[in-house]
Structure formats: structure tokens, C-alpha cells
Amino acid sequence: MRQRLQLLGGITWLMLQSPQHWHCTIEEVEARILPSLTLNQFRYYEANGQPIGFVSWAYLSEEAEEKYQTGSYKLLPQEWQSGEQLWCTDFISPFGHDQSMFDDLRQNIFPQGTTAKMIRTQEDGSRSIVEYQLGAEE
């Protein structure tokens, strides 16, 4: 429990440093972050004991994916593992560690050929859906 609370503190701090995340409410943190911690569908990054990044993901059914990709739908707890469509639900990297985080996901987390989708939110609030090729390259 203590470790999860420490993670949650670090993730919340990262969110406060990120222009795309600083506005999130406690309700949004609960809906967006806690399921990934409970299901171990996340990667938390530190450097010298300081948080530098966080990534979470969900495996969505086609039905859940259709609702989620609108950008305004909050996943229900049971939807986080409802299918095979991999979605990155949060990618928080306020200090420019994006590439090293992607490299870690490709090399250590996802099998070769895995495709993940993500809703990218810009600082102005506009959104787009992007796809990433994950998984180790041979």
C-alpha cells in the first residue's frame, strides 16, 4: 500500500509539471491512474530518485475503444482489460524523456510488432489519435 501511495504521489507531481496534465482533478486521477496501478499496466520512471515519467495502458474491446477515442470518455475499471486493442492511456514526460521511455517500452514491455494507439492532447487542448509501433526490433 505504501509503495502505491508513493507512486501516486510521484505521478501526481509529474502531472503538475505537465501542461497537458496539470488541470486534472482528483476524480480524473482516480479514473485515469488508479486502474493502471491496480492492474500493473504502467511503467514509472525515475532518475536519481526523482520522478521523470509515467506511462499507462489498457487493452480495450472494440466497443470500449470506440467510446474511448472520443477523448471525453472515462474508462470503467472492467474496460481496462476488455479486449486486445492496446491504448496508451497516459504518457507523462514533462522533462523530455519521451524517447528513452519509448525505447524502454519497445525493448522491455511489449512484444515485437505491437501497435499502440494514444490520444495526444496539445497544450491548446486540441486532440488527435496517433499510432505507435512498439515491441523489440530484431
N, C-alpha and C. Protein backbone atom coordinates (compact mmCIF):
# COMPACT_ATOMS: atom_id res chain seq x y z
N MET A 1 0.83 -1.20 0.00
CA MET A 1 0.00 0.00 0.00
C MET A 1 0.87 1.26 0.00
N ARG A 2 1.89 1.25 0.85
CA ARG A 2 2.76 2.42 0.95
C ARG A 2 3.46 2.71 -0.38
N GLN A 3 3.91 1.64 -1.05
CA GLN A 3 4.58 1.82 -2.33
C GLN A 3 3.62 2.44 -3.36
N ARG A 4 2.38 1.99 -3.39
CA ARG A 4 1.39 2.54 -4.32
C ARG A 4 1.12 4.02 -4.01
N LEU A 5 1.07 4.36 -2.73
CA LEU A 5 0.86 5.76 -2.35
C LEU A 5 2.04 6.63 -2.78
N GLN A 6 3.25 6.09 -2.63
CA GLN A 6 4.43 6.83 -3.07
C GLN A 6 4.41 7.02 -4.60
N LEU A 7 4.04 5.95 -5.31
CA LEU A 7 3.91 6.07 -6.77
C LEU A 7 2.88 7.12 -7.14
N LEU A 8 1.74 7.07 -6.49
CA LEU A 8 0.68 8.03 -6.78
C LEU A 8 1.14 9.46 -6.52
N GLY A 9 1.91 9.66 -5.46
CA GLY A 9 2.47 10.99 -5.19
C GLY A 9 3.40 11.44 -6.29
N GLY A 10 4.29 10.54 -6.74
CA GLY A 10 5.21 10.88 -7.82
C GLY A 10 4.50 11.15 -9.13
N ILE A 11 3.48 10.34 -9.43
CA ILE A 11 2.72 10.52 -10.67
C ILE A 11 1.95 11.84 -10.63
N THR A 12 1.35 12.13 -9.50
CA THR A 12 0.61 13.39 -9.36
C THR A 12 1.56 14.58 -9.53
N TRP A 13 2.74 14.49 -8.94
CA TRP A 13 3.73 15.55 -9.10
C TRP A 13 4.11 15.72 -10.57
N LEU A 14 4.32 14.59 -11.28
CA LEU A 14 4.61 14.67 -12.72
C LEU A 14 3.48 15.36 -13.48
N MET A 15 2.25 15.02 -13.12
CA MET A 15 1.10 15.64 -13.78
C MET A 15 1.10 17.15 -13.58
N LEU A 16 1.50 17.59 -12.41
CA LEU A 16 1.54 19.03 -12.13
C LEU A 16 2.62 19.74 -12.95
N GLN A 17 3.63 19.01 -13.39
CA GLN A 17 4.70 19.58 -14.19
C GLN A 17 4.38 19.60 -15.69
N SER A 18 3.33 18.89 -16.08
CA SER A 18 2.99 18.69 -17.48
C SER A 18 1.85 19.61 -17.92
N PRO A 19 2.07 20.46 -18.93
CA PRO A 19 0.99 21.33 -19.41
C PRO A 19 -0.25 20.56 -19.87
N GLN A 20 -0.06 19.32 -20.32
CA GLN A 20 -1.19 18.52 -20.78
C GLN A 20 -1.94 17.85 -19.63
N HIS A 21 -1.38 17.85 -18.42
CA HIS A 21 -1.98 17.11 -17.31
C HIS A 21 -2.26 17.93 -16.06
N TRP A 22 -1.70 19.11 -15.93
CA TRP A 22 -1.77 19.85 -14.66
C TRP A 22 -3.19 20.18 -14.25
N HIS A 23 -4.12 20.22 -15.18
CA HIS A 23 -5.51 20.58 -14.89
C HIS A 23 -6.34 19.42 -14.34
N CYS A 24 -5.80 18.21 -14.33
CA CYS A 24 -6.59 17.03 -13.93
C CYS A 24 -7.08 17.14 -12.49
N THR A 25 -8.31 16.72 -12.29
CA THR A 25 -8.91 16.71 -10.96
C THR A 25 -8.58 15.40 -10.25
N ILE A 26 -8.85 15.35 -8.96
CA ILE A 26 -8.66 14.12 -8.20
C ILE A 26 -9.52 13.01 -8.80
N GLU A 27 -10.72 13.35 -9.23
CA GLU A 27 -11.61 12.36 -9.86
C GLU A 27 -10.96 11.78 -11.12
N GLU A 28 -10.31 12.64 -11.91
CA GLU A 28 -9.64 12.17 -13.12
C GLU A 28 -8.42 11.32 -12.78
N VAL A 29 -7.68 11.70 -11.75
CA VAL A 29 -6.55 10.88 -11.31
C VAL A 29 -7.04 9.49 -10.91
N GLU A 30 -8.14 9.45 -10.18
CA GLU A 30 -8.70 8.17 -9.77
C GLU A 30 -9.09 7.32 -10.99
N ALA A 31 -9.74 7.93 -11.96
CA ALA A 31 -10.21 7.19 -13.14
C ALA A 31 -9.08 6.84 -14.11
N ARG A 32 -8.07 7.71 -14.22
CA ARG A 32 -7.02 7.53 -15.23
C ARG A 32 -5.79 6.79 -14.72
N ILE A 33 -5.49 6.93 -13.43
CA ILE A 33 -4.23 6.39 -12.92
C ILE A 33 -4.43 5.14 -12.07
N LEU A 34 -5.36 5.16 -11.14
CA LEU A 34 -5.51 4.04 -10.20
C LEU A 34 -5.75 2.69 -10.88
N PRO A 35 -6.59 2.60 -11.92
CA PRO A 35 -6.75 1.28 -12.55
C PRO A 35 -5.44 0.71 -13.09
N SER A 36 -4.60 1.55 -13.67
CA SER A 36 -3.33 1.06 -14.21
C SER A 36 -2.42 0.55 -13.09
N LEU A 37 -2.45 1.20 -11.94
CA LEU A 37 -1.64 0.74 -10.81
C LEU A 37 -2.17 -0.59 -10.28
N THR A 38 -3.48 -0.70 -10.16
CA THR A 38 -4.10 -1.93 -9.66
C THR A 38 -3.81 -3.11 -10.59
N LEU A 39 -3.85 -2.87 -11.90
CA LEU A 39 -3.68 -3.94 -12.89
C LEU A 39 -2.23 -4.12 -13.34
N ASN A 40 -1.33 -3.32 -12.79
CA ASN A 40 0.09 -3.35 -13.15
C ASN A 40 0.28 -3.11 -14.66
N GLN A 41 -0.47 -2.17 -15.20
CA GLN A 41 -0.38 -1.80 -16.60
C GLN A 41 0.21 -0.39 -16.68
N PHE A 42 1.43 -0.27 -16.20
CA PHE A 42 2.09 1.02 -16.18
C PHE A 42 3.60 0.83 -16.11
N ARG A 43 4.29 1.91 -16.38
CA ARG A 43 5.73 1.98 -16.19
C ARG A 43 6.01 3.35 -15.59
N TYR A 44 6.77 3.36 -14.50
CA TYR A 44 7.11 4.59 -13.77
C TYR A 44 8.61 4.77 -13.88
N TYR A 45 9.03 5.96 -14.21
CA TYR A 45 10.45 6.23 -14.46
C TYR A 45 10.98 7.26 -13.47
N GLU A 46 12.18 6.96 -12.96
CA GLU A 46 12.89 7.87 -12.06
C GLU A 46 14.33 8.02 -12.52
N ALA A 47 14.94 9.13 -12.17
CA ALA A 47 16.37 9.35 -12.36
C ALA A 47 16.88 10.01 -11.09
N ASN A 48 17.86 9.40 -10.48
CA ASN A 48 18.43 9.91 -9.23
C ASN A 48 17.35 10.11 -8.16
N GLY A 49 16.41 9.19 -8.10
CA GLY A 49 15.35 9.25 -7.09
C GLY A 49 14.23 10.23 -7.38
N GLN A 50 14.30 10.91 -8.52
CA GLN A 50 13.27 11.89 -8.88
C GLN A 50 12.38 11.33 -9.99
N PRO A 51 11.07 11.52 -9.90
CA PRO A 51 10.19 11.07 -10.98
C PRO A 51 10.47 11.83 -12.27
N ILE A 52 10.54 11.10 -13.38
CA ILE A 52 10.75 11.75 -14.68
C ILE A 52 9.70 11.36 -15.71
N GLY A 53 8.93 10.28 -15.45
CA GLY A 53 7.95 9.88 -16.44
C GLY A 53 7.02 8.79 -15.96
N PHE A 54 5.90 8.68 -16.64
CA PHE A 54 4.89 7.66 -16.32
C PHE A 54 4.13 7.33 -17.60
N VAL A 55 3.92 6.03 -17.81
CA VAL A 55 3.13 5.56 -18.94
C VAL A 55 2.14 4.53 -18.41
N SER A 56 0.89 4.61 -18.86
CA SER A 56 -0.10 3.59 -18.52
C SER A 56 -0.80 3.14 -19.79
N TRP A 57 -1.36 1.93 -19.75
CA TRP A 57 -2.02 1.40 -20.93
C TRP A 57 -3.20 0.52 -20.55
N ALA A 58 -4.07 0.33 -21.54
CA ALA A 58 -5.25 -0.51 -21.37
C ALA A 58 -5.42 -1.36 -22.63
N TYR A 59 -6.01 -2.53 -22.45
CA TYR A 59 -6.33 -3.42 -23.56
C TYR A 59 -7.84 -3.36 -23.75
N LEU A 60 -8.28 -2.65 -24.77
CA LEU A 60 -9.70 -2.34 -24.92
C LEU A 60 -10.40 -3.24 -25.94
N SER A 61 -11.66 -3.50 -25.66
CA SER A 61 -12.53 -4.14 -26.64
C SER A 61 -12.85 -3.11 -27.72
N GLU A 62 -13.39 -3.57 -28.82
CA GLU A 62 -13.76 -2.64 -29.89
C GLU A 62 -14.81 -1.64 -29.39
N GLU A 63 -15.72 -2.11 -28.57
CA GLU A 63 -16.77 -1.23 -28.03
C GLU A 63 -16.17 -0.16 -27.11
N ALA A 64 -15.28 -0.58 -26.22
CA ALA A 64 -14.64 0.38 -25.31
C ALA A 64 -13.75 1.35 -26.09
N GLU A 65 -13.06 0.83 -27.10
CA GLU A 65 -12.20 1.67 -27.93
C GLU A 65 -13.01 2.76 -28.63
N GLU A 66 -14.14 2.39 -29.16
CA GLU A 66 -15.00 3.35 -29.86
C GLU A 66 -15.39 4.50 -28.94
N LYS A 67 -15.74 4.19 -27.70
CA LYS A 67 -16.11 5.23 -26.74
C LYS A 67 -14.89 6.04 -26.30
N TYR A 68 -13.78 5.33 -26.04
CA TYR A 68 -12.58 5.98 -25.51
C TYR A 68 -11.98 6.98 -26.50
N GLN A 69 -11.98 6.64 -27.77
CA GLN A 69 -11.31 7.51 -28.75
C GLN A 69 -12.03 8.83 -28.99
N THR A 70 -13.19 9.03 -28.39
CA THR A 70 -13.84 10.34 -28.47
C THR A 70 -13.04 11.38 -27.69
N GLY A 71 -12.23 10.91 -26.73
CA GLY A 71 -11.41 11.82 -25.94
C GLY A 71 -12.06 12.31 -24.67
N SER A 72 -13.35 12.08 -24.52
CA SER A 72 -14.05 12.56 -23.33
C SER A 72 -14.57 11.42 -22.45
N TYR A 73 -14.40 10.19 -22.90
CA TYR A 73 -14.93 9.04 -22.17
C TYR A 73 -13.92 8.55 -21.14
N LYS A 74 -14.39 8.32 -19.92
CA LYS A 74 -13.55 7.76 -18.86
C LYS A 74 -13.79 6.26 -18.81
N LEU A 75 -12.72 5.51 -18.97
CA LEU A 75 -12.83 4.05 -18.95
C LEU A 75 -13.36 3.55 -17.62
N LEU A 76 -14.22 2.57 -17.69
CA LEU A 76 -14.69 1.88 -16.49
C LEU A 76 -13.63 0.87 -16.08
N PRO A 77 -13.53 0.55 -14.79
CA PRO A 77 -12.49 -0.40 -14.34
C PRO A 77 -12.47 -1.70 -15.14
N GLN A 78 -13.62 -2.25 -15.47
CA GLN A 78 -13.67 -3.52 -16.18
C GLN A 78 -13.25 -3.39 -17.65
N GLU A 79 -13.16 -2.18 -18.17
CA GLU A 79 -12.78 -1.99 -19.57
C GLU A 79 -11.27 -1.97 -19.78
N TRP A 80 -10.49 -1.83 -18.72
CA TRP A 80 -9.04 -1.74 -18.86
C TRP A 80 -8.42 -3.02 -19.42
N GLN A 81 -9.10 -4.14 -19.28
CA GLN A 81 -8.63 -5.41 -19.83
C GLN A 81 -9.76 -6.10 -20.59
N SER A 82 -10.50 -5.33 -21.36
CA SER A 82 -11.70 -5.86 -22.01
C SER A 82 -11.46 -6.41 -23.41
N GLY A 83 -10.26 -6.25 -23.96
CA GLY A 83 -10.02 -6.70 -25.33
C GLY A 83 -8.55 -6.74 -25.68
N GLU A 84 -8.27 -6.59 -26.96
CA GLU A 84 -6.89 -6.71 -27.46
C GLU A 84 -6.34 -5.42 -28.05
N GLN A 85 -7.16 -4.38 -28.10
CA GLN A 85 -6.71 -3.10 -28.67
C GLN A 85 -5.88 -2.36 -27.62
N LEU A 86 -4.58 -2.22 -27.87
CA LEU A 86 -3.69 -1.56 -26.90
C LEU A 86 -3.77 -0.05 -27.06
N TRP A 87 -4.10 0.61 -25.96
CA TRP A 87 -4.15 2.08 -25.91
C TRP A 87 -3.25 2.56 -24.78
N CYS A 88 -2.44 3.54 -25.09
CA CYS A 88 -1.67 4.23 -24.07
C CYS A 88 -2.61 5.27 -23.46
N THR A 89 -2.96 5.09 -22.19
CA THR A 89 -3.95 5.97 -21.57
C THR A 89 -3.32 7.23 -21.00
N ASP A 90 -2.07 7.16 -20.62
CA ASP A 90 -1.33 8.35 -20.19
C ASP A 90 0.14 8.18 -20.54
N PHE A 91 0.74 9.24 -21.03
CA PHE A 91 2.17 9.30 -21.30
C PHE A 91 2.62 10.65 -20.76
N ILE A 92 3.23 10.62 -19.60
CA ILE A 92 3.61 11.86 -18.92
C ILE A 92 5.13 11.95 -18.90
N SER A 93 5.66 12.92 -19.59
CA SER A 93 7.10 13.09 -19.70
C SER A 93 7.42 14.59 -19.77
N PRO A 94 7.27 15.29 -18.64
CA PRO A 94 7.41 16.74 -18.68
C PRO A 94 8.84 17.25 -18.84
N PHE A 95 9.83 16.34 -18.74
CA PHE A 95 11.22 16.79 -18.77
C PHE A 95 11.98 16.28 -20.00
N GLY A 96 11.23 15.84 -21.03
CA GLY A 96 11.87 15.48 -22.29
C GLY A 96 12.46 14.08 -22.37
N HIS A 97 11.95 13.14 -21.60
CA HIS A 97 12.47 11.77 -21.64
C HIS A 97 11.64 10.85 -22.53
N ASP A 98 10.88 11.43 -23.44
CA ASP A 98 9.98 10.65 -24.30
C ASP A 98 10.70 9.50 -24.99
N GLN A 99 11.81 9.79 -25.65
CA GLN A 99 12.48 8.77 -26.45
C GLN A 99 12.98 7.61 -25.60
N SER A 100 13.59 7.90 -24.46
CA SER A 100 14.08 6.81 -23.61
C SER A 100 12.92 5.99 -23.05
N MET A 101 11.79 6.62 -22.80
CA MET A 101 10.62 5.89 -22.32
C MET A 101 10.08 4.99 -23.43
N PHE A 102 9.97 5.52 -24.66
CA PHE A 102 9.54 4.69 -25.79
C PHE A 102 10.50 3.53 -26.01
N ASP A 103 11.80 3.80 -25.93
CA ASP A 103 12.79 2.74 -26.11
C ASP A 103 12.60 1.64 -25.07
N ASP A 104 12.35 2.01 -23.82
CA ASP A 104 12.12 1.02 -22.77
C ASP A 104 10.88 0.18 -23.07
N LEU A 105 9.79 0.83 -23.46
CA LEU A 105 8.56 0.10 -23.78
C LEU A 105 8.79 -0.87 -24.94
N ARG A 106 9.52 -0.42 -25.95
CA ARG A 106 9.79 -1.27 -27.12
C ARG A 106 10.67 -2.46 -26.76
N GLN A 107 11.67 -2.24 -25.94
CA GLN A 107 12.65 -3.28 -25.65
C GLN A 107 12.25 -4.20 -24.51
N ASN A 108 11.49 -3.71 -23.55
CA ASN A 108 11.27 -4.47 -22.32
C ASN A 108 9.83 -4.82 -21.97
N ILE A 109 8.87 -4.19 -22.61
CA ILE A 109 7.48 -4.40 -22.19
C ILE A 109 6.64 -5.10 -23.25
N PHE A 110 6.62 -4.59 -24.45
CA PHE A 110 5.69 -5.09 -25.46
C PHE A 110 6.39 -5.98 -26.49
N PRO A 111 5.69 -7.04 -26.93
CA PRO A 111 6.27 -7.93 -27.93
C PRO A 111 6.46 -7.22 -29.27
N GLN A 112 7.37 -7.77 -30.06
CA GLN A 112 7.64 -7.21 -31.38
C GLN A 112 6.36 -7.12 -32.19
N GLY A 113 6.20 -6.02 -32.90
CA GLY A 113 5.05 -5.85 -33.77
C GLY A 113 3.82 -5.28 -33.10
N THR A 114 3.90 -4.99 -31.81
CA THR A 114 2.76 -4.44 -31.09
C THR A 114 2.50 -3.00 -31.52
N THR A 115 1.24 -2.71 -31.81
CA THR A 115 0.84 -1.35 -32.15
C THR A 115 0.00 -0.79 -31.01
N ALA A 116 0.29 0.42 -30.61
CA ALA A 116 -0.48 1.08 -29.56
C ALA A 116 -1.04 2.39 -30.11
N LYS A 117 -2.22 2.72 -29.66
CA LYS A 117 -2.83 4.00 -30.02
C LYS A 117 -2.84 4.90 -28.80
N MET A 118 -2.89 6.19 -29.07
CA MET A 118 -2.91 7.15 -27.98
C MET A 118 -3.64 8.41 -28.44
N ILE A 119 -4.37 9.01 -27.53
CA ILE A 119 -4.96 10.31 -27.79
C ILE A 119 -3.94 11.35 -27.34
N ARG A 120 -3.44 12.10 -28.28
CA ARG A 120 -2.46 13.14 -27.96
C ARG A 120 -3.20 14.45 -27.76
N THR A 121 -2.99 15.05 -26.60
CA THR A 121 -3.59 16.34 -26.29
C THR A 121 -2.51 17.41 -26.33
N GLN A 122 -2.74 18.43 -27.11
CA GLN A 122 -1.79 19.53 -27.21
C GLN A 122 -2.04 20.53 -26.08
N GLU A 123 -1.10 21.44 -25.90
CA GLU A 123 -1.25 22.45 -24.85
C GLU A 123 -2.50 23.30 -25.04
N ASP A 124 -2.93 23.47 -26.29
CA ASP A 124 -4.13 24.28 -26.55
C ASP A 124 -5.43 23.49 -26.37
N GLY A 125 -5.31 22.21 -26.00
CA GLY A 125 -6.48 21.38 -25.75
C GLY A 125 -6.94 20.56 -26.95
N SER A 126 -6.37 20.81 -28.13
CA SER A 126 -6.76 20.02 -29.30
C SER A 126 -6.24 18.59 -29.16
N ARG A 127 -6.97 17.65 -29.78
CA ARG A 127 -6.64 16.24 -29.64
C ARG A 127 -6.52 15.57 -31.00
N SER A 128 -5.66 14.55 -31.04
CA SER A 128 -5.56 13.71 -32.23
C SER A 128 -5.21 12.30 -31.77
N ILE A 129 -5.54 11.32 -32.61
CA ILE A 129 -5.20 9.93 -32.31
C ILE A 129 -3.95 9.58 -33.10
N VAL A 130 -2.95 9.05 -32.40
CA VAL A 130 -1.71 8.65 -33.04
C VAL A 130 -1.48 7.17 -32.77
N GLU A 131 -0.76 6.51 -33.68
CA GLU A 131 -0.40 5.11 -33.51
C GLU A 131 1.11 5.00 -33.42
N TYR A 132 1.56 4.10 -32.53
CA TYR A 132 2.99 3.85 -32.36
C TYR A 132 3.26 2.38 -32.54
N GLN A 133 4.36 2.08 -33.19
CA GLN A 133 4.81 0.70 -33.33
C GLN A 133 5.72 0.41 -32.14
N LEU A 134 5.31 -0.53 -31.31
CA LEU A 134 6.10 -0.91 -30.15
C LEU A 134 6.63 -2.32 -30.34
N GLY A 135 7.36 -2.79 -29.38
CA GLY A 135 7.92 -4.14 -29.45
C GLY A 135 9.35 -4.09 -29.95
N ALA A 136 10.15 -5.02 -29.45
CA ALA A 136 11.57 -5.06 -29.78
C ALA A 136 11.79 -5.27 -31.27
N GLU A 137 12.76 -4.58 -31.80
CA GLU A 137 13.13 -4.73 -33.20
C GLU A 137 14.24 -5.76 -33.29
N GLU A 138 14.17 -6.62 -34.26
CA GLU A 138 15.23 -7.63 -34.43
C GLU A 138 16.29 -7.15 -35.38
